[in-house]
N, C-alpha and C. Protein backbone atom coordinates (compact mmCIF):
# COMPACT_ATOMS: atom_id res chain seq x y z
N MET A 1 -113.48 102.60 141.16
CA MET A 1 -111.52 102.53 140.84
C MET A 1 -111.66 101.58 139.72
N PRO A 2 -110.60 102.40 138.96
CA PRO A 2 -110.29 102.19 137.90
C PRO A 2 -109.29 100.61 138.01
N ASN A 3 -109.54 99.62 136.82
CA ASN A 3 -109.04 98.23 136.71
C ASN A 3 -107.56 98.36 136.14
N CYS A 4 -106.62 98.29 137.26
CA CYS A 4 -105.40 98.56 136.58
C CYS A 4 -104.66 97.36 136.31
N THR A 5 -105.27 96.13 136.20
CA THR A 5 -104.22 94.67 136.00
C THR A 5 -105.03 94.93 134.62
N ARG A 6 -103.98 93.92 134.20
CA ARG A 6 -104.26 93.42 133.28
C ARG A 6 -104.96 91.49 132.99
N GLY A 7 -105.41 91.13 132.02
CA GLY A 7 -106.00 89.66 132.44
C GLY A 7 -105.31 88.98 133.04
N ASP A 8 -104.34 88.83 132.17
CA ASP A 8 -103.68 87.12 132.00
C ASP A 8 -101.85 87.70 132.18
N MET A 9 -100.86 87.21 132.97
CA MET A 9 -99.36 87.67 132.95
C MET A 9 -99.01 86.15 132.79
N GLU A 10 -97.83 86.41 131.89
CA GLU A 10 -96.85 85.04 131.07
C GLU A 10 -95.79 85.20 131.82
N PHE A 11 -95.18 83.74 132.64
CA PHE A 11 -93.72 84.09 133.43
C PHE A 11 -93.16 82.76 132.41
N GLY A 12 -93.54 82.21 131.43
CA GLY A 12 -92.59 81.70 130.81
C GLY A 12 -93.31 80.23 130.73
N ARG A 13 -92.18 79.41 130.66
CA ARG A 13 -92.58 77.94 130.42
C ARG A 13 -91.51 77.11 131.62
N LEU A 14 -92.23 75.85 131.76
CA LEU A 14 -91.03 75.17 132.73
C LEU A 14 -91.46 74.03 132.37
N GLY A 15 -90.23 73.41 131.21
CA GLY A 15 -90.66 72.17 130.94
C GLY A 15 -91.70 72.30 129.68
N ARG A 16 -92.74 71.47 129.74
CA ARG A 16 -93.44 71.40 128.77
C ARG A 16 -94.92 72.50 129.21
N CYS A 17 -95.26 72.64 130.42
CA CYS A 17 -95.79 73.90 131.40
C CYS A 17 -95.59 75.12 130.67
N THR A 18 -96.78 75.89 130.17
CA THR A 18 -96.76 77.21 130.30
C THR A 18 -97.12 77.98 132.17
N ILE A 19 -96.30 78.94 132.21
CA ILE A 19 -96.91 79.28 133.91
C ILE A 19 -97.38 80.60 133.36
N GLU A 20 -98.36 80.45 134.02
CA GLU A 20 -99.31 81.88 133.80
C GLU A 20 -100.17 82.63 135.25
N ALA A 21 -100.58 83.52 135.40
CA ALA A 21 -101.31 84.42 136.61
C ALA A 21 -102.32 85.06 135.70
N ASN A 22 -103.78 84.79 136.22
CA ASN A 22 -104.34 85.95 136.07
C ASN A 22 -105.23 86.44 137.36
N PHE A 23 -105.91 87.34 137.10
CA PHE A 23 -106.22 88.31 138.52
C PHE A 23 -108.39 88.34 138.64
N GLU A 24 -108.42 86.92 138.24
CA GLU A 24 -110.00 86.86 138.11
C GLU A 24 -110.38 86.16 138.75
N GLY A 25 -109.78 86.03 140.48
CA GLY A 25 -110.54 85.09 141.26
C GLY A 25 -111.29 85.62 142.45
N GLY A 26 -111.77 86.87 142.24
CA GLY A 26 -112.89 87.39 142.95
C GLY A 26 -111.86 87.63 144.33
N ALA A 27 -112.62 87.49 145.46
CA ALA A 27 -112.19 88.07 147.17
C ALA A 27 -111.13 86.49 147.34
N LEU A 28 -109.20 86.75 147.30
CA LEU A 28 -108.87 85.65 147.64
C LEU A 28 -108.00 86.35 148.77
N SER A 29 -107.20 85.78 149.61
CA SER A 29 -106.29 85.95 150.45
C SER A 29 -105.02 86.40 149.75
N SER A 30 -104.77 87.49 150.28
CA SER A 30 -103.34 88.00 149.59
C SER A 30 -102.00 87.12 149.76
N ASP A 31 -101.97 86.29 150.85
CA ASP A 31 -100.58 85.76 150.50
C ASP A 31 -100.69 84.70 150.67
N GLY A 32 -101.52 83.90 149.47
CA GLY A 32 -101.73 82.66 148.95
C GLY A 32 -100.68 82.59 148.02
N GLY A 33 -100.42 83.16 147.33
CA GLY A 33 -99.51 83.59 146.32
C GLY A 33 -97.88 83.39 146.62
N LEU A 34 -97.77 84.23 147.53
CA LEU A 34 -96.67 83.89 148.23
C LEU A 34 -95.96 82.38 148.83
N MET A 35 -97.16 81.80 149.32
CA MET A 35 -96.97 80.15 149.31
C MET A 35 -96.67 79.83 148.63
N LEU A 36 -96.99 80.06 147.63
CA LEU A 36 -97.07 79.27 145.90
C LEU A 36 -95.40 79.68 145.49
N LEU A 37 -95.32 81.04 145.33
CA LEU A 37 -93.81 81.03 144.90
C LEU A 37 -92.59 80.82 145.62
N ARG A 38 -92.71 80.51 147.09
CA ARG A 38 -92.04 79.78 148.32
C ARG A 38 -91.60 78.17 147.50
N GLN A 39 -93.07 77.39 146.85
CA GLN A 39 -92.70 76.37 146.89
C GLN A 39 -91.98 76.47 145.53
N VAL A 40 -92.27 76.96 144.41
CA VAL A 40 -91.50 76.96 143.17
C VAL A 40 -90.13 77.87 143.49
N ASP A 41 -89.75 78.33 144.43
CA ASP A 41 -88.67 78.62 144.66
C ASP A 41 -87.32 77.76 145.01
N ARG A 42 -88.34 76.98 146.19
CA ARG A 42 -87.67 75.72 146.79
C ARG A 42 -87.13 74.80 146.08
N ARG A 43 -88.48 74.41 144.77
CA ARG A 43 -88.02 73.20 143.58
C ARG A 43 -87.63 73.74 142.81
N ILE A 44 -86.94 74.84 142.53
CA ILE A 44 -85.89 75.30 141.64
C ILE A 44 -84.67 76.23 141.77
N GLY A 45 -84.68 76.75 143.19
CA GLY A 45 -83.70 76.45 143.63
C GLY A 45 -83.02 78.31 143.36
N LEU A 46 -83.58 79.18 142.75
CA LEU A 46 -83.35 80.32 142.50
C LEU A 46 -82.83 81.19 143.53
N SER A 47 -83.43 81.57 144.82
CA SER A 47 -82.38 82.05 145.71
C SER A 47 -81.57 81.42 146.05
N VAL A 48 -81.28 80.29 146.24
CA VAL A 48 -79.86 79.87 146.37
C VAL A 48 -78.72 80.14 145.53
N ARG A 49 -78.88 80.15 144.27
CA ARG A 49 -78.38 80.77 143.56
C ARG A 49 -78.13 82.16 143.66
């Protein structure tokens, strides 16, 4: 099976922090990222806007 993902993805900056993700975590739950995105969305209020 080919590897179709890049090593790292950058989502920009939030204050002094750089937000980035990579896909080298091995076998992880596929829904863990959704919980993180939900918390980020609640904090910055993107969906409300």
